[in-house]
C-alpha atoms as a PDB file:
ATOM      1  CA  UNK A   1       1.758  95.870  33.766  1.00  0.00           C
ATOM      2  CA  UNK A   2       4.251  93.782  30.903  1.00  0.00           C
ATOM      3  CA  UNK A   3       6.709  96.362  29.762  1.00  0.00           C
ATOM      4  CA  UNK A   4       7.069  95.575  25.495  1.00  0.00           C
ATOM      5  CA  UNK A   5      10.238  96.424  23.391  1.00  0.00           C
ATOM      6  CA  UNK A   6       9.439  96.559  19.623  1.00  0.00           C
ATOM      7  CA  UNK A   7      12.300  95.231  17.508  1.00  0.00           C
ATOM      8  CA  UNK A   8      11.291  94.737  13.885  1.00  0.00           C
ATOM      9  CA  UNK A   9      12.845  96.973  10.690  1.00  0.00           C
ATOM     10  CA  UNK A  10      10.213  97.305   9.196  1.00  0.00           C
ATOM     11  CA  UNK A  11       8.225 100.221  10.868  1.00  0.00           C
ATOM     12  CA  UNK A  12       4.568  99.130   9.385  1.00  0.00           C
ATOM     13  CA  UNK A  13       5.096  96.509  11.403  1.00  0.00           C
ATOM     14  CA  UNK A  14       5.948  97.684  14.474  1.00  0.00           C
ATOM     15  CA  UNK A  15       2.396 100.134  13.961  1.00  0.00           C
ATOM     16  CA  UNK A  16       0.820  96.708  13.722  1.00  0.00           C
ATOM     17  CA  UNK A  17       2.330  94.813  16.597  1.00  0.00           C
ATOM     18  CA  UNK A  18       1.461  98.037  18.728  1.00  0.00           C
ATOM     19  CA  UNK A  19      -2.081  98.289  17.509  1.00  0.00           C
ATOM     20  CA  UNK A  20      -3.221  95.084  18.781  1.00  0.00           C
ATOM     21  CA  UNK A  21      -0.855  95.089  21.863  1.00  0.00           C
ATOM     22  CA  UNK A  22      -2.018  98.419  23.285  1.00  0.00           C
ATOM     23  CA  UNK A  23      -5.812  96.873  23.582  1.00  0.00           C
ATOM     24  CA  UNK A  24      -4.803  94.517  26.115  1.00  0.00           C
ATOM     25  CA  UNK A  25      -4.936  96.509  29.703  1.00  0.00           C
ATOM     26  CA  UNK A  26      -2.271  94.338  30.991  1.00  0.00           C
ATOM     27  CA  UNK A  27       0.479  95.091  28.287  1.00  0.00           C
ATOM     28  CA  UNK A  28       1.975  98.439  27.694  1.00  0.00           C
ATOM     29  CA  UNK A  29       4.542  98.885  24.577  1.00  0.00           C
ATOM     30  CA  UNK A  30       7.003 100.996  26.008  1.00  0.00           C
ATOM     31  CA  UNK A  31       9.737 101.608  22.947  1.00  0.00           C
ATOM     32  CA  UNK A  32      10.374 100.981  19.597  1.00  0.00           C
ATOM     33  CA  UNK A  33      14.240  99.917  17.589  1.00  0.00           C
ATOM     34  CA  UNK A  34      14.552  99.260  14.476  1.00  0.00           C
ATOM     35  CA  UNK A  35      17.568  97.795  14.459  1.00  0.00           C
ATOM     36  CA  UNK A  36      19.473  94.479  16.582  1.00  0.00           C
ATOM     37  CA  UNK A  37      22.203  97.512  17.692  1.00  0.00           C
ATOM     38  CA  UNK A  38      19.302  99.127  18.906  1.00  0.00           C
ATOM     39  CA  UNK A  39      17.016  95.907  20.913  1.00  0.00           C
ATOM     40  CA  UNK A  40      20.364  95.269  22.542  1.00  0.00           C
ATOM     41  CA  UNK A  41      20.978  99.155  23.697  1.00  0.00           C
ATOM     42  CA  UNK A  42      17.833  99.802  25.033  1.00  0.00           C
ATOM     43  CA  UNK A  43      16.872  95.998  26.633  1.00  0.00           C
ATOM     44  CA  UNK A  44      20.383  96.859  28.888  1.00  0.00           C
ATOM     45  CA  UNK A  45      19.051 100.090  30.029  1.00  0.00           C
ATOM     46  CA  UNK A  46      16.260  98.738  32.049  1.00  0.00           C
ATOM     47  CA  UNK A  47      12.488  98.620  32.610  1.00  0.00           C
ATOM     48  CA  UNK A  48      11.690  95.952  29.764  1.00  0.00           C
ATOM     49  CA  UNK A  49       9.847  92.792  30.461  1.00  0.00           C
ATOM     50  CA  UNK A  50       9.274  91.463  27.060  1.00  0.00           C
ATOM     51  CA  UNK A  51      11.266  92.320  23.549  1.00  0.00           C
ATOM     52  CA  UNK A  52       9.673  91.289  20.464  1.00  0.00           C
ATOM     53  CA  UNK A  53      12.235  90.529  18.306  1.00  0.00           C
ATOM     54  CA  UNK A  54      12.414  90.067  14.736  1.00  0.00           C
ATOM     55  CA  UNK A  55      15.018  87.610  13.106  1.00  0.00           C
ATOM     56  CA  UNK A  56      16.174  89.750  10.088  1.00  0.00           C
ATOM     57  CA  UNK A  57      17.740  93.015  10.571  1.00  0.00           C
ATOM     58  CA  UNK A  58      18.638  95.984   7.785  1.00  0.00           C
ATOM     59  CA  UNK A  59      21.624  97.437   8.174  1.00  0.00           C
ATOM     60  CA  UNK A  60      23.166  98.126  11.536  1.00  0.00           C
ATOM     61  CA  UNK A  61      25.345 100.297  12.866  1.00  0.00           C
ATOM     62  CA  UNK A  62      28.759 100.818  10.733  1.00  0.00           C
ATOM     63  CA  UNK A  63      31.698  98.695  12.347  1.00  0.00           C
ATOM     64  CA  UNK A  64      28.713  95.989  14.347  1.00  0.00           C
ATOM     65  CA  UNK A  65      28.179  92.463  13.518  1.00  0.00           C
ATOM     66  CA  UNK A  66      25.068  92.068  15.160  1.00  0.00           C
ATOM     67  CA  UNK A  67      22.628  92.411  12.803  1.00  0.00           C
ATOM     68  CA  UNK A  68      19.989  89.049  13.482  1.00  0.00           C
ATOM     69  CA  UNK A  69      17.532  88.830  15.974  1.00  0.00           C
ATOM     70  CA  UNK A  70      19.271  85.573  17.062  1.00  0.00           C
ATOM     71  CA  UNK A  71      22.829  87.159  18.239  1.00  0.00           C
ATOM     72  CA  UNK A  72      20.505  90.099  19.586  1.00  0.00           C
ATOM     73  CA  UNK A  73      19.340  87.992  22.083  1.00  0.00           C
ATOM     74  CA  UNK A  74      22.322  86.481  22.284  1.00  0.00           C
ATOM     75  CA  UNK A  75      23.980  89.539  23.550  1.00  0.00           C
ATOM     76  CA  UNK A  76      20.935  90.347  25.955  1.00  0.00           C
ATOM     77  CA  UNK A  77      21.551  87.541  27.958  1.00  0.00           C
ATOM     78  CA  UNK A  78      24.931  87.140  27.558  1.00  0.00           C
ATOM     79  CA  UNK A  79      25.227  90.859  29.947  1.00  0.00           C
ATOM     80  CA  UNK A  80      22.209  90.937  31.727  1.00  0.00           C
ATOM     81  CA  UNK A  81      21.874  89.467  35.173  1.00  0.00           C
ATOM     82  CA  UNK A  82      18.039  89.846  34.944  1.00  0.00           C
ATOM     83  CA  UNK A  83      17.657  90.046  31.162  1.00  0.00           C
ATOM     84  CA  UNK A  84      14.097  90.742  29.602  1.00  0.00           C
ATOM     85  CA  UNK A  85      12.103  87.677  28.063  1.00  0.00           C
ATOM     86  CA  UNK A  86      12.158  87.479  24.068  1.00  0.00           C
ATOM     87  CA  UNK A  87       9.505  86.684  21.513  1.00  0.00           C
ATOM     88  CA  UNK A  88      10.777  86.098  18.570  1.00  0.00           C
ATOM     89  CA  UNK A  89       8.246  87.611  15.822  1.00  0.00           C
ATOM     90  CA  UNK A  90       9.173  87.126  12.308  1.00  0.00           C
ATOM     91  CA  UNK A  91       8.544  85.769   8.624  1.00  0.00           C
ATOM     92  CA  UNK A  92      10.943  83.198   8.882  1.00  0.00           C
ATOM     93  CA  UNK A  93      10.605  79.121   9.761  1.00  0.00           C
ATOM     94  CA  UNK A  94      13.170  77.198   8.986  1.00  0.00           C
ATOM     95  CA  UNK A  95      15.288  75.055  11.249  1.00  0.00           C
ATOM     96  CA  UNK A  96      18.118  76.924  11.479  1.00  0.00           C
ATOM     97  CA  UNK A  97      15.978  80.003  12.426  1.00  0.00           C
ATOM     98  CA  UNK A  98      14.788  78.366  15.248  1.00  0.00           C
ATOM     99  CA  UNK A  99      16.950  76.827  16.959  1.00  0.00           C
ATOM    100  CA  UNK A 100      19.485  79.393  16.319  1.00  0.00           C
ATOM    101  CA  UNK A 101      16.709  81.587  17.983  1.00  0.00           C
ATOM    102  CA  UNK A 102      15.904  78.903  20.507  1.00  0.00           C
ATOM    103  CA  UNK A 103      19.792  78.463  21.258  1.00  0.00           C
ATOM    104  CA  UNK A 104      20.618  82.336  22.092  1.00  0.00           C
ATOM    105  CA  UNK A 105      17.647  82.417  24.734  1.00  0.00           C
ATOM    106  CA  UNK A 106      14.441  82.775  22.964  1.00  0.00           C
ATOM    107  CA  UNK A 107      11.573  82.050  25.212  1.00  0.00           C
ATOM    108  CA  UNK A 108       9.022  81.923  22.123  1.00  0.00           C
ATOM    109  CA  UNK A 109       8.691  82.136  18.511  1.00  0.00           C
ATOM    110  CA  UNK A 110       5.871  83.609  16.643  1.00  0.00           C
ATOM    111  CA  UNK A 111       5.028  83.731  13.165  1.00  0.00           C
ATOM    112  CA  UNK A 112       3.870  87.491  12.008  1.00  0.00           C
ATOM    113  CA  UNK A 113       0.393  85.958  10.381  1.00  0.00           C
ATOM    114  CA  UNK A 114      -0.662  84.839  14.059  1.00  0.00           C
ATOM    115  CA  UNK A 115      -3.733  85.769  15.426  1.00  0.00           C
ATOM    116  CA  UNK A 116      -4.229  88.864  17.573  1.00  0.00           C
ATOM    117  CA  UNK A 117      -4.463  86.822  20.487  1.00  0.00           C
ATOM    118  CA  UNK A 118      -2.275  84.246  19.587  1.00  0.00           C
ATOM    119  CA  UNK A 119       0.231  87.576  19.740  1.00  0.00           C
ATOM    120  CA  UNK A 120      -1.215  88.493  23.143  1.00  0.00           C
ATOM    121  CA  UNK A 121      -1.225  85.176  24.783  1.00  0.00           C
ATOM    122  CA  UNK A 122       2.430  84.359  23.766  1.00  0.00           C
ATOM    123  CA  UNK A 123       3.255  87.950  25.278  1.00  0.00           C
ATOM    124  CA  UNK A 124       1.597  86.958  28.573  1.00  0.00           C
ATOM    125  CA  UNK A 125       3.113  83.215  28.107  1.00  0.00           C
ATOM    126  CA  UNK A 126       6.399  85.131  27.570  1.00  0.00           C
ATOM    127  CA  UNK A 127       6.357  87.143  30.168  1.00  0.00           C
ATOM    128  CA  UNK A 128       5.275  84.631  32.545  1.00  0.00           C
ATOM    129  CA  UNK A 129       8.638  82.813  31.320  1.00  0.00           C
ATOM    130  CA  UNK A 130       6.263  79.749  30.218  1.00  0.00           C
ATOM    131  CA  UNK A 131       7.506  78.304  25.974  1.00  0.00           C
ATOM    132  CA  UNK A 132       5.458  80.112  23.470  1.00  0.00           C
ATOM    133  CA  UNK A 133       5.226  78.447  20.091  1.00  0.00           C
ATOM    134  CA  UNK A 134       3.506  79.016  16.936  1.00  0.00           C
ATOM    135  CA  UNK A 135       1.489  75.759  15.906  1.00  0.00           C
ATOM    136  CA  UNK A 136       3.865  75.111  12.346  1.00  0.00           C
ATOM    137  CA  UNK A 137       7.159  75.616  14.702  1.00  0.00           C
ATOM    138  CA  UNK A 138       6.099  73.108  17.839  1.00  0.00           C
ATOM    139  CA  UNK A 139       5.508  70.736  15.004  1.00  0.00           C
ATOM    140  CA  UNK A 140       8.947  71.764  13.434  1.00  0.00           C
ATOM    141  CA  UNK A 141      10.530  70.962  16.504  1.00  0.00           C
ATOM    142  CA  UNK A 142       8.837  68.279  17.184  1.00  0.00           C
ATOM    143  CA  UNK A 143       9.168  66.326  13.749  1.00  0.00           C
ATOM    144  CA  UNK A 144      12.848  67.431  14.565  1.00  0.00           C
ATOM    145  CA  UNK A 145      12.911  65.169  17.940  1.00  0.00           C
ATOM    146  CA  UNK A 146      11.533  62.554  16.781  1.00  0.00           C
ATOM    147  CA  UNK A 147      13.964  61.955  13.642  1.00  0.00           C
ATOM    148  CA  UNK A 148      17.338  62.505  15.464  1.00  0.00           C
ATOM    149  CA  UNK A 149      19.417  61.291  12.757  1.00  0.00           C
ATOM    150  CA  UNK A 150      18.336  64.011  10.792  1.00  0.00           C
ATOM    151  CA  UNK A 151      18.775  67.210  12.870  1.00  0.00           C
ATOM    152  CA  UNK A 152      21.407  69.371  12.149  1.00  0.00           C
ATOM    153  CA  UNK A 153      23.095  71.595  14.496  1.00  0.00           C
ATOM    154  CA  UNK A 154      22.455  75.078  13.918  1.00  0.00           C
ATOM    155  CA  UNK A 155      25.726  75.870  12.024  1.00  0.00           C
ATOM    156  CA  UNK A 156      25.419  72.499   9.875  1.00  0.00           C
ATOM    157  CA  UNK A 157      22.204  74.297   8.694  1.00  0.00           C
ATOM    158  CA  UNK A 158      23.833  77.399   7.662  1.00  0.00           C
ATOM    159  CA  UNK A 159      26.276  75.500   6.005  1.00  0.00           C
ATOM    160  CA  UNK A 160      23.448  73.516   4.357  1.00  0.00           C
ATOM    161  CA  UNK A 161      21.331  77.174   3.109  1.00  0.00           C
ATOM    162  CA  UNK A 162      25.061  78.388   1.657  1.00  0.00           C
ATOM    163  CA  UNK A 163      24.818  75.162  -0.657  1.00  0.00           C
ATOM    164  CA  UNK A 164      21.808  76.008  -1.234  1.00  0.00           C
ATOM    165  CA  UNK A 165      22.491  78.966  -2.376  1.00  0.00           C
ATOM    166  CA  UNK A 166      25.164  77.794  -4.891  1.00  0.00           C
ATOM    167  CA  UNK A 167      28.218  78.801  -2.389  1.00  0.00           C
ATOM    168  CA  UNK A 168      31.417  77.236  -2.610  1.00  0.00           C
ATOM    169  CA  UNK A 169      33.441  76.273   0.622  1.00  0.00           C
ATOM    170  CA  UNK A 170      36.172  78.925   0.094  1.00  0.00           C
ATOM    171  CA  UNK A 171      32.780  81.658  -0.133  1.00  0.00           C
ATOM    172  CA  UNK A 172      31.103  79.856   2.749  1.00  0.00           C
ATOM    173  CA  UNK A 173      34.254  79.599   4.922  1.00  0.00           C
ATOM    174  CA  UNK A 174      34.275  83.312   4.351  1.00  0.00           C
ATOM    175  CA  UNK A 175      30.910  84.143   5.230  1.00  0.00           C
ATOM    176  CA  UNK A 176      31.047  82.269   8.435  1.00  0.00           C
ATOM    177  CA  UNK A 177      34.055  82.869   9.156  1.00  0.00           C
ATOM    178  CA  UNK A 178      35.754  79.330   9.122  1.00  0.00           C
ATOM    179  CA  UNK A 179      38.809  77.243   7.829  1.00  0.00           C
ATOM    180  CA  UNK A 180      37.634  75.429   4.601  1.00  0.00           C
ATOM    181  CA  UNK A 181      38.720  72.720   6.581  1.00  0.00           C
ATOM    182  CA  UNK A 182      36.064  73.774   8.931  1.00  0.00           C
ATOM    183  CA  UNK A 183      33.558  73.779   6.387  1.00  0.00           C
ATOM    184  CA  UNK A 184      34.087  70.039   4.909  1.00  0.00           C
ATOM    185  CA  UNK A 185      33.744  68.934   8.212  1.00  0.00           C
ATOM    186  CA  UNK A 186      30.559  70.495   8.701  1.00  0.00           C
ATOM    187  CA  UNK A 187      29.877  68.809   5.324  1.00  0.00           C
ATOM    188  CA  UNK A 188      30.731  65.370   6.201  1.00  0.00           C
ATOM    189  CA  UNK A 189      28.754  65.440   9.123  1.00  0.00           C
ATOM    190  CA  UNK A 190      25.734  66.377   7.119  1.00  0.00           C
ATOM    191  CA  UNK A 191      26.161  63.919   4.511  1.00  0.00           C
ATOM    192  CA  UNK A 192      26.251  60.908   7.530  1.00  0.00           C
ATOM    193  CA  UNK A 193      22.867  62.482   9.192  1.00  0.00           C
ATOM    194  CA  UNK A 194      21.120  63.134   6.360  1.00  0.00           C
ATOM    195  CA  UNK A 195      22.084  59.887   4.684  1.00  0.00           C
ATOM    196  CA  UNK A 196      23.841  61.203   1.281  1.00  0.00           C
ATOM    197  CA  UNK A 197      27.220  61.468  -0.704  1.00  0.00           C
ATOM    198  CA  UNK A 198      26.839  64.585  -2.610  1.00  0.00           C
ATOM    199  CA  UNK A 199      26.170  68.774  -2.657  1.00  0.00           C
ATOM    200  CA  UNK A 200      23.016  68.054  -4.333  1.00  0.00           C
ATOM    201  CA  UNK A 201      21.625  65.070  -3.100  1.00  0.00           C
ATOM    202  CA  UNK A 202      22.118  66.922   0.922  1.00  0.00           C
ATOM    203  CA  UNK A 203      20.039  70.001  -0.165  1.00  0.00           C
ATOM    204  CA  UNK A 204      17.728  68.163  -2.104  1.00  0.00           C
ATOM    205  CA  UNK A 205      17.066  65.883   0.966  1.00  0.00           C
ATOM    206  CA  UNK A 206      16.687  68.419   3.025  1.00  0.00           C
ATOM    207  CA  UNK A 207      14.375  70.246   1.103  1.00  0.00           C
ATOM    208  CA  UNK A 208      12.461  66.976   1.360  1.00  0.00           C
ATOM    209  CA  UNK A 209      12.716  66.561   5.294  1.00  0.00           C
ATOM    210  CA  UNK A 210      11.206  70.472   5.240  1.00  0.00           C
ATOM    211  CA  UNK A 211      14.917  71.524   6.713  1.00  0.00           C
ATOM    212  CA  UNK A 212      15.567  74.274   4.333  1.00  0.00           C
END
């Protein structure tokens, strides 16, 4: 029996996931949490084989900084000798989201519009430790491998997302806890990889490539 924890801040999403999974004889939903902190604590308590992890959560426990599914995934993998496998189930499919989750240790990455049978198959694959990706995500990763020049690191993608949102170097530094000099260094690398010379051109190029 595959024991599953649902980690999503929307109750209606958890209800939908539970309804699909409970139709499978070999899968049992043993818990639900609405915060990244809750996912970490429940996973660390044991008895979980697979965590279905959202990437974006609402406000977590006051005073903590773990607010994303990727951060929770990294924390679970770093603090447990035998951590449960993590299957990301989210609406977000940008390169920054995908790479951040995979680097954190997620085994699978599924979009919430996946058909029920794909979700069940992904849970089974993840429980075995086999990588399971939505076709859109798999195509995005394949495109990155075919075009290494435009393959930005997760941190560079975070910087570029904030640039696209209109943030200044100082604001980006405050958001990501980096010095302005480090932000400028990231921008230099971004410009080089994208073959551009300005913030506006970098954003435009990234959007053409499907990075943003």
